[in-house]
Amino acid sequence: MVKSYRVQVATTDSFSQIIEQAVTDNTSWAPKMSHSAFTGAEGLYWRVAALDEGNNAGGWATSPLRAAQRARMRVSGKLRKDRAGRLRVTVTGRRGKALRGAVVRVSGAGIVASPRRTGKRGRVVLRVVPRSRGTVLLSADKTGYSPARARVKVR
């Protein structure tokens, strides 16, 4: 009978350098991700073993951790204070493939706008009225992708 699970995360598949480990009663576990290896470009590996009442470990199940794909965002359009402007946003993933359903948010320069989702071609047109000069920040988020960020200057 399985009482708990031992989980380890390492930088090598030999698990000679373990960066995080835990024993949990749950079938799911999330690392704290405080180690610098989580932000690096190097590969990470995880493994899990079932523990019985005597803390005897069964066989290890091992797999590499896959990093989130990078989302990219292109923005075109100009903004002027107190004038309606249009920003054309295109969100793409790996190899320039359009990301359908990415949530695009706009903030800054006194703009109040609700989030919008990209269409099947990864595009969305935002109509905004900046109330002050400065910078408008745009972000695009989609599950499985790292967020994309962009800035547009308001004249």
N, C-alpha and C. Protein backbone atom coordinates (compact mmCIF):
# COMPACT_ATOMS: atom_id res chain seq x y z
N MET A 1 0.84 -1.19 0.00
CA MET A 1 0.00 0.00 0.00
C MET A 1 0.88 1.25 0.00
N VAL A 2 0.48 2.23 -0.77
CA VAL A 2 1.22 3.48 -0.85
C VAL A 2 0.75 4.41 0.26
N LYS A 3 1.70 4.87 1.08
CA LYS A 3 1.39 5.82 2.15
C LYS A 3 1.69 7.25 1.71
N SER A 4 2.82 7.44 1.02
CA SER A 4 3.22 8.77 0.57
C SER A 4 4.13 8.63 -0.65
N TYR A 5 4.59 9.79 -1.15
CA TYR A 5 5.44 9.81 -2.33
C TYR A 5 6.68 10.66 -2.06
N ARG A 6 7.81 10.23 -2.59
CA ARG A 6 9.05 11.01 -2.53
C ARG A 6 9.29 11.58 -3.92
N VAL A 7 9.42 12.92 -4.01
CA VAL A 7 9.60 13.61 -5.28
C VAL A 7 10.92 14.36 -5.25
N GLN A 8 11.67 14.32 -6.35
CA GLN A 8 12.94 15.03 -6.45
C GLN A 8 13.03 15.73 -7.79
N VAL A 9 13.65 16.91 -7.78
CA VAL A 9 13.93 17.67 -9.00
C VAL A 9 15.44 17.89 -9.04
N ALA A 10 16.05 17.64 -10.21
CA ALA A 10 17.50 17.75 -10.33
C ALA A 10 17.88 18.38 -11.66
N THR A 11 19.13 18.80 -11.75
CA THR A 11 19.63 19.42 -12.98
C THR A 11 20.20 18.40 -13.95
N THR A 12 20.42 17.16 -13.49
CA THR A 12 20.94 16.10 -14.36
C THR A 12 20.04 14.88 -14.25
N ASP A 13 20.06 14.04 -15.29
CA ASP A 13 19.23 12.84 -15.24
C ASP A 13 19.79 11.76 -14.33
N SER A 14 21.01 11.97 -13.83
CA SER A 14 21.58 11.02 -12.86
C SER A 14 21.18 11.38 -11.42
N PHE A 15 20.57 12.53 -11.24
CA PHE A 15 20.12 13.05 -9.95
C PHE A 15 21.27 13.17 -8.95
N SER A 16 22.45 13.54 -9.45
CA SER A 16 23.59 13.79 -8.58
C SER A 16 23.51 15.17 -7.96
N GLN A 17 22.78 16.08 -8.59
CA GLN A 17 22.59 17.43 -8.05
C GLN A 17 21.10 17.70 -7.88
N ILE A 18 20.57 17.31 -6.73
CA ILE A 18 19.15 17.51 -6.45
C ILE A 18 18.95 18.95 -5.97
N ILE A 19 18.05 19.67 -6.63
CA ILE A 19 17.83 21.07 -6.25
C ILE A 19 16.58 21.23 -5.38
N GLU A 20 15.67 20.27 -5.43
CA GLU A 20 14.49 20.33 -4.58
C GLU A 20 13.92 18.94 -4.42
N GLN A 21 13.44 18.64 -3.19
CA GLN A 21 12.84 17.34 -2.94
C GLN A 21 11.80 17.47 -1.84
N ALA A 22 10.87 16.52 -1.82
CA ALA A 22 9.80 16.55 -0.81
C ALA A 22 9.20 15.16 -0.67
N VAL A 23 8.58 14.94 0.48
CA VAL A 23 7.77 13.76 0.72
C VAL A 23 6.36 14.27 0.96
N THR A 24 5.40 13.76 0.18
CA THR A 24 4.03 14.26 0.26
C THR A 24 3.05 13.10 0.30
N ASP A 25 1.92 13.31 0.97
CA ASP A 25 0.85 12.32 1.00
C ASP A 25 -0.06 12.46 -0.23
N ASN A 26 0.04 13.59 -0.91
CA ASN A 26 -0.83 13.87 -2.07
C ASN A 26 -0.24 13.31 -3.35
N THR A 27 -1.07 13.16 -4.34
CA THR A 27 -0.60 12.69 -5.64
C THR A 27 -0.12 13.85 -6.50
N SER A 28 -0.24 15.08 -6.02
CA SER A 28 0.28 16.24 -6.74
C SER A 28 1.18 17.04 -5.81
N TRP A 29 2.16 17.72 -6.42
CA TRP A 29 3.12 18.50 -5.64
C TRP A 29 3.69 19.58 -6.54
N ALA A 30 3.88 20.77 -5.99
CA ALA A 30 4.48 21.88 -6.75
C ALA A 30 5.73 22.35 -6.02
N PRO A 31 6.85 22.45 -6.72
CA PRO A 31 8.08 22.92 -6.08
C PRO A 31 8.00 24.41 -5.76
N LYS A 32 8.82 24.85 -4.81
CA LYS A 32 8.85 26.27 -4.43
C LYS A 32 9.53 27.13 -5.49
N MET A 33 10.37 26.51 -6.30
CA MET A 33 11.07 27.16 -7.41
C MET A 33 11.93 28.34 -6.97
N SER A 34 12.54 28.24 -5.81
CA SER A 34 13.41 29.30 -5.29
C SER A 34 14.85 29.15 -5.78
N HIS A 35 15.21 28.01 -6.31
CA HIS A 35 16.56 27.78 -6.80
C HIS A 35 16.75 28.47 -8.16
N SER A 36 17.94 28.98 -8.41
CA SER A 36 18.21 29.69 -9.67
C SER A 36 18.13 28.78 -10.89
N ALA A 37 18.23 27.48 -10.73
CA ALA A 37 18.17 26.56 -11.86
C ALA A 37 16.80 26.57 -12.53
N PHE A 38 15.74 26.98 -11.81
CA PHE A 38 14.41 27.01 -12.39
C PHE A 38 14.28 28.11 -13.44
N THR A 39 15.07 29.17 -13.34
CA THR A 39 15.00 30.26 -14.31
C THR A 39 16.01 30.12 -15.43
N GLY A 40 16.95 29.21 -15.29
CA GLY A 40 17.99 29.03 -16.30
C GLY A 40 17.49 28.27 -17.52
N ALA A 41 18.34 28.24 -18.53
CA ALA A 41 17.99 27.57 -19.78
C ALA A 41 18.36 26.09 -19.76
N GLU A 42 19.05 25.64 -18.72
CA GLU A 42 19.45 24.24 -18.67
C GLU A 42 18.26 23.34 -18.38
N GLY A 43 18.38 22.07 -18.73
CA GLY A 43 17.29 21.13 -18.54
C GLY A 43 17.13 20.72 -17.09
N LEU A 44 15.91 20.37 -16.73
CA LEU A 44 15.61 19.87 -15.39
C LEU A 44 14.92 18.51 -15.52
N TYR A 45 15.06 17.71 -14.48
CA TYR A 45 14.48 16.38 -14.46
C TYR A 45 13.76 16.17 -13.14
N TRP A 46 12.69 15.40 -13.16
CA TRP A 46 11.98 15.06 -11.93
C TRP A 46 11.82 13.55 -11.86
N ARG A 47 11.66 13.07 -10.62
CA ARG A 47 11.37 11.66 -10.43
C ARG A 47 10.52 11.50 -9.18
N VAL A 48 9.75 10.42 -9.13
CA VAL A 48 8.86 10.17 -8.01
C VAL A 48 8.89 8.67 -7.68
N ALA A 49 8.82 8.37 -6.39
CA ALA A 49 8.77 6.98 -5.92
C ALA A 49 7.69 6.87 -4.86
N ALA A 50 6.98 5.76 -4.86
CA ALA A 50 5.94 5.50 -3.86
C ALA A 50 6.61 4.94 -2.60
N LEU A 51 6.14 5.41 -1.43
CA LEU A 51 6.65 4.95 -0.14
C LEU A 51 5.54 4.19 0.59
N ASP A 52 5.91 3.06 1.25
CA ASP A 52 4.93 2.33 2.04
C ASP A 52 4.99 2.78 3.50
N GLU A 53 4.29 2.06 4.40
CA GLU A 53 4.25 2.46 5.81
C GLU A 53 5.62 2.45 6.47
N GLY A 54 6.53 1.62 6.00
CA GLY A 54 7.88 1.55 6.56
C GLY A 54 8.86 2.49 5.85
N ASN A 55 8.37 3.42 5.04
CA ASN A 55 9.18 4.35 4.24
C ASN A 55 10.11 3.64 3.26
N ASN A 56 9.72 2.48 2.81
CA ASN A 56 10.48 1.77 1.78
C ASN A 56 10.02 2.28 0.42
N ALA A 57 10.98 2.68 -0.41
CA ALA A 57 10.66 3.26 -1.71
C ALA A 57 10.53 2.18 -2.76
N GLY A 58 9.56 2.37 -3.64
CA GLY A 58 9.42 1.49 -4.79
C GLY A 58 10.31 2.01 -5.92
N GLY A 59 10.03 1.61 -7.14
CA GLY A 59 10.82 2.06 -8.28
C GLY A 59 10.56 3.53 -8.59
N TRP A 60 11.56 4.19 -9.16
CA TRP A 60 11.45 5.60 -9.51
C TRP A 60 10.86 5.74 -10.91
N ALA A 61 9.94 6.68 -11.05
CA ALA A 61 9.45 7.09 -12.37
C ALA A 61 10.13 8.41 -12.68
N THR A 62 10.85 8.51 -13.79
CA THR A 62 11.68 9.67 -14.11
C THR A 62 11.26 10.27 -15.45
N SER A 63 11.35 11.61 -15.53
CA SER A 63 11.02 12.29 -16.78
C SER A 63 11.66 13.68 -16.79
N PRO A 64 11.99 14.20 -17.98
CA PRO A 64 12.49 15.58 -18.04
C PRO A 64 11.34 16.57 -17.86
N LEU A 65 11.64 17.72 -17.28
CA LEU A 65 10.66 18.80 -17.17
C LEU A 65 10.74 19.63 -18.44
N ARG A 66 9.61 19.95 -18.99
CA ARG A 66 9.58 20.74 -20.20
C ARG A 66 9.31 22.20 -19.86
N ALA A 67 10.13 23.09 -20.37
CA ALA A 67 9.94 24.52 -20.14
C ALA A 67 8.77 25.02 -20.98
N ALA A 68 8.13 26.06 -20.48
CA ALA A 68 7.02 26.66 -21.22
C ALA A 68 7.55 27.29 -22.51
N GLN A 69 6.77 27.20 -23.57
CA GLN A 69 7.16 27.80 -24.83
C GLN A 69 7.05 29.32 -24.71
N ARG A 70 7.85 30.02 -25.48
CA ARG A 70 7.82 31.49 -25.45
C ARG A 70 6.76 32.02 -26.38
N ALA A 71 5.94 32.91 -25.87
CA ALA A 71 4.99 33.63 -26.71
C ALA A 71 5.66 34.93 -27.14
N ARG A 72 5.36 35.39 -28.34
CA ARG A 72 5.91 36.64 -28.84
C ARG A 72 4.76 37.53 -29.25
N MET A 73 4.99 38.85 -29.09
CA MET A 73 3.94 39.80 -29.39
C MET A 73 4.49 40.94 -30.23
N ARG A 74 3.78 41.27 -31.31
CA ARG A 74 4.10 42.44 -32.12
C ARG A 74 2.96 43.43 -31.99
N VAL A 75 3.31 44.69 -31.80
CA VAL A 75 2.29 45.73 -31.65
C VAL A 75 2.56 46.81 -32.68
N SER A 76 1.50 47.25 -33.37
CA SER A 76 1.64 48.37 -34.28
C SER A 76 0.52 49.37 -33.97
N GLY A 77 0.80 50.62 -34.21
CA GLY A 77 -0.15 51.69 -33.94
C GLY A 77 0.49 52.76 -33.09
N LYS A 78 -0.10 53.96 -33.10
CA LYS A 78 0.42 55.09 -32.33
C LYS A 78 -0.66 55.58 -31.38
N LEU A 79 -0.21 56.11 -30.25
CA LEU A 79 -1.14 56.62 -29.26
C LEU A 79 -0.81 58.07 -28.93
N ARG A 80 -1.86 58.89 -28.80
CA ARG A 80 -1.70 60.28 -28.38
C ARG A 80 -2.65 60.53 -27.22
N LYS A 81 -2.22 61.38 -26.32
CA LYS A 81 -3.00 61.69 -25.11
C LYS A 81 -4.37 62.25 -25.49
N ASP A 82 -5.41 61.75 -24.83
CA ASP A 82 -6.80 62.17 -24.99
C ASP A 82 -7.36 61.97 -26.39
N ARG A 83 -6.75 61.10 -27.20
CA ARG A 83 -7.27 60.78 -28.53
C ARG A 83 -7.43 59.26 -28.64
N ALA A 84 -8.49 58.86 -29.28
CA ALA A 84 -8.71 57.43 -29.48
C ALA A 84 -7.65 56.89 -30.44
N GLY A 85 -7.06 55.81 -30.07
CA GLY A 85 -6.05 55.18 -30.91
C GLY A 85 -6.30 53.69 -31.02
N ARG A 86 -5.77 53.09 -32.08
CA ARG A 86 -5.91 51.66 -32.29
C ARG A 86 -4.55 51.00 -32.23
N LEU A 87 -4.49 49.93 -31.46
CA LEU A 87 -3.28 49.11 -31.39
C LEU A 87 -3.60 47.75 -32.00
N ARG A 88 -2.83 47.37 -32.99
CA ARG A 88 -2.97 46.06 -33.62
C ARG A 88 -1.94 45.13 -33.00
N VAL A 89 -2.41 44.09 -32.35
CA VAL A 89 -1.54 43.17 -31.62
C VAL A 89 -1.60 41.80 -32.29
N THR A 90 -0.42 41.23 -32.54
CA THR A 90 -0.31 39.88 -33.08
C THR A 90 0.51 39.05 -32.10
N VAL A 91 -0.04 37.93 -31.68
CA VAL A 91 0.64 37.04 -30.73
C VAL A 91 0.96 35.74 -31.45
N THR A 92 2.23 35.34 -31.38
CA THR A 92 2.68 34.12 -32.03
C THR A 92 3.43 33.24 -31.04
N GLY A 93 3.53 31.98 -31.38
CA GLY A 93 4.26 31.01 -30.57
C GLY A 93 5.49 30.55 -31.30
N ARG A 94 5.82 29.28 -31.13
CA ARG A 94 7.00 28.70 -31.76
C ARG A 94 6.87 28.73 -33.28
N ARG A 95 7.95 29.09 -33.94
CA ARG A 95 8.04 29.17 -35.40
C ARG A 95 7.03 30.14 -36.01
N GLY A 96 6.61 31.13 -35.24
CA GLY A 96 5.72 32.16 -35.77
C GLY A 96 4.28 31.73 -35.95
N LYS A 97 3.89 30.62 -35.35
CA LYS A 97 2.52 30.14 -35.46
C LYS A 97 1.59 31.00 -34.61
N ALA A 98 0.45 31.40 -35.17
CA ALA A 98 -0.51 32.26 -34.47
C ALA A 98 -1.05 31.57 -33.23
N LEU A 99 -1.19 32.34 -32.14
CA LEU A 99 -1.75 31.80 -30.90
C LEU A 99 -3.19 32.27 -30.77
N ARG A 100 -4.10 31.36 -30.99
CA ARG A 100 -5.52 31.66 -30.85
C ARG A 100 -5.92 31.62 -29.38
N GLY A 101 -6.72 32.57 -28.93
CA GLY A 101 -7.24 32.57 -27.57
C GLY A 101 -6.30 33.12 -26.52
N ALA A 102 -5.22 33.79 -26.91
CA ALA A 102 -4.34 34.42 -25.93
C ALA A 102 -5.04 35.66 -25.37
N VAL A 103 -4.94 35.88 -24.07
CA VAL A 103 -5.59 37.02 -23.43
C VAL A 103 -4.62 38.20 -23.47
N VAL A 104 -5.06 39.30 -24.09
CA VAL A 104 -4.24 40.51 -24.21
C VAL A 104 -4.80 41.55 -23.25
N ARG A 105 -3.92 42.07 -22.36
CA ARG A 105 -4.31 43.09 -21.39
C ARG A 105 -3.53 44.37 -21.64
N VAL A 106 -4.18 45.51 -21.39
CA VAL A 106 -3.55 46.82 -21.57
C VAL A 106 -3.64 47.56 -20.24
N SER A 107 -2.54 48.23 -19.86
CA SER A 107 -2.55 49.02 -18.63
C SER A 107 -1.60 50.19 -18.77
N GLY A 108 -1.81 51.20 -17.93
CA GLY A 108 -0.95 52.37 -17.90
C GLY A 108 -1.54 53.55 -18.65
N ALA A 109 -1.01 54.74 -18.42
CA ALA A 109 -1.38 56.00 -19.08
C ALA A 109 -2.87 56.30 -18.93
N GLY A 110 -3.47 55.91 -17.81
CA GLY A 110 -4.87 56.21 -17.56
C GLY A 110 -5.85 55.42 -18.39
N ILE A 111 -5.42 54.31 -18.96
CA ILE A 111 -6.29 53.50 -19.83
C ILE A 111 -7.08 52.52 -18.98
N VAL A 112 -8.39 52.48 -19.26
CA VAL A 112 -9.26 51.48 -18.64
C VAL A 112 -9.80 50.63 -19.79
N ALA A 113 -9.31 49.41 -19.91
CA ALA A 113 -9.73 48.53 -21.00
C ALA A 113 -9.86 47.11 -20.48
N SER A 114 -10.87 46.41 -20.97
CA SER A 114 -11.06 45.03 -20.55
C SER A 114 -10.16 44.12 -21.40
N PRO A 115 -9.77 42.99 -20.86
CA PRO A 115 -8.93 42.05 -21.62
C PRO A 115 -9.66 41.52 -22.84
N ARG A 116 -8.93 41.26 -23.90
CA ARG A 116 -9.50 40.72 -25.14
C ARG A 116 -8.71 39.49 -25.55
N ARG A 117 -9.35 38.58 -26.26
CA ARG A 117 -8.70 37.35 -26.73
C ARG A 117 -8.38 37.46 -28.22
N THR A 118 -7.26 36.85 -28.59
CA THR A 118 -6.86 36.86 -29.99
C THR A 118 -7.74 35.89 -30.78
N GLY A 119 -7.87 36.17 -32.07
CA GLY A 119 -8.66 35.32 -32.96
C GLY A 119 -7.83 34.18 -33.51
N LYS A 120 -8.35 33.52 -34.53
CA LYS A 120 -7.67 32.34 -35.07
C LYS A 120 -6.34 32.69 -35.74
N ARG A 121 -6.15 33.94 -36.14
CA ARG A 121 -4.88 34.36 -36.71
C ARG A 121 -3.95 35.01 -35.69
N GLY A 122 -4.33 34.91 -34.41
CA GLY A 122 -3.49 35.44 -33.34
C GLY A 122 -3.52 36.95 -33.24
N ARG A 123 -4.54 37.57 -33.79
CA ARG A 123 -4.61 39.03 -33.83
C ARG A 123 -5.78 39.57 -33.03
N VAL A 124 -5.59 40.78 -32.53
CA VAL A 124 -6.67 41.52 -31.87
C VAL A 124 -6.39 43.00 -32.08
N VAL A 125 -7.45 43.78 -32.28
CA VAL A 125 -7.32 45.23 -32.42
C VAL A 125 -7.93 45.86 -31.18
N LEU A 126 -7.13 46.68 -30.48
CA LEU A 126 -7.59 47.33 -29.26
C LEU A 126 -7.81 48.81 -29.54
N ARG A 127 -8.96 49.33 -29.17
CA ARG A 127 -9.24 50.76 -29.28
C ARG A 127 -9.11 51.33 -27.87
N VAL A 128 -8.13 52.21 -27.69
CA VAL A 128 -7.86 52.77 -26.36
C VAL A 128 -7.76 54.29 -26.44
N VAL A 129 -8.06 54.94 -25.29
CA VAL A 129 -7.93 56.40 -25.18
C VAL A 129 -7.04 56.67 -23.97
N PRO A 130 -5.74 56.95 -24.20
CA PRO A 130 -4.86 57.24 -23.07
C PRO A 130 -5.19 58.61 -22.49
N ARG A 131 -5.28 58.71 -21.17
CA ARG A 131 -5.62 59.95 -20.49
C ARG A 131 -4.40 60.73 -20.02
N SER A 132 -3.22 60.15 -20.18
CA SER A 132 -1.99 60.86 -19.80
C SER A 132 -0.84 60.39 -20.69
N ARG A 133 0.22 61.17 -20.70
CA ARG A 133 1.41 60.77 -21.43
C ARG A 133 2.15 59.71 -20.63
N GLY A 134 3.00 58.99 -21.29
CA GLY A 134 3.75 57.95 -20.59
C GLY A 134 3.88 56.71 -21.43
N THR A 135 3.75 55.57 -20.78
CA THR A 135 3.93 54.30 -21.46
C THR A 135 2.74 53.39 -21.19
N VAL A 136 2.29 52.73 -22.23
CA VAL A 136 1.23 51.74 -22.12
C VAL A 136 1.88 50.37 -22.16
N LEU A 137 1.51 49.52 -21.20
CA LEU A 137 2.06 48.17 -21.11
C LEU A 137 1.03 47.18 -21.63
N LEU A 138 1.47 46.27 -22.49
CA LEU A 138 0.61 45.23 -23.02
C LEU A 138 1.18 43.88 -22.60
N SER A 139 0.31 42.95 -22.26
CA SER A 139 0.75 41.60 -21.93
C SER A 139 -0.18 40.60 -22.60
N ALA A 140 0.38 39.50 -23.06
CA ALA A 140 -0.39 38.43 -23.68
C ALA A 140 -0.09 37.14 -22.94
N ASP A 141 -1.14 36.48 -22.46
CA ASP A 141 -0.99 35.25 -21.68
C ASP A 141 -1.81 34.14 -22.31
N LYS A 142 -1.21 32.94 -22.33
CA LYS A 142 -1.91 31.75 -22.78
C LYS A 142 -1.33 30.56 -22.02
N THR A 143 -2.18 29.65 -21.63
CA THR A 143 -1.74 28.46 -20.89
C THR A 143 -0.72 27.68 -21.70
N GLY A 144 0.37 27.30 -21.05
CA GLY A 144 1.42 26.53 -21.70
C GLY A 144 2.50 27.39 -22.32
N TYR A 145 2.35 28.71 -22.28
CA TYR A 145 3.31 29.64 -22.86
C TYR A 145 3.75 30.64 -21.80
N SER A 146 5.01 31.07 -21.90
CA SER A 146 5.46 32.15 -21.02
C SER A 146 4.85 33.45 -21.54
N PRO A 147 4.51 34.38 -20.65
CA PRO A 147 3.82 35.60 -21.09
C PRO A 147 4.70 36.47 -21.99
N ALA A 148 4.04 37.16 -22.92
CA ALA A 148 4.73 38.11 -23.80
C ALA A 148 4.39 39.51 -23.31
N ARG A 149 5.36 40.41 -23.37
CA ARG A 149 5.17 41.79 -22.90
C ARG A 149 5.63 42.76 -23.98
N ALA A 150 4.99 43.93 -24.03
CA ALA A 150 5.38 44.98 -24.96
C ALA A 150 5.02 46.34 -24.36
N ARG A 151 5.67 47.39 -24.85
CA ARG A 151 5.42 48.75 -24.39
C ARG A 151 5.17 49.64 -25.60
N VAL A 152 4.26 50.61 -25.43
CA VAL A 152 3.98 51.60 -26.47
C VAL A 152 4.01 52.96 -25.79
N LYS A 153 4.72 53.89 -26.41
CA LYS A 153 4.85 55.23 -25.85
C LYS A 153 3.64 56.07 -26.23
N VAL A 154 3.13 56.88 -25.28
CA VAL A 154 2.02 57.79 -25.53
C VAL A 154 2.59 59.18 -25.67
N ARG A 155 2.32 59.83 -26.78
CA ARG A 155 2.82 61.19 -27.05
C ARG A 155 1.85 62.24 -26.61
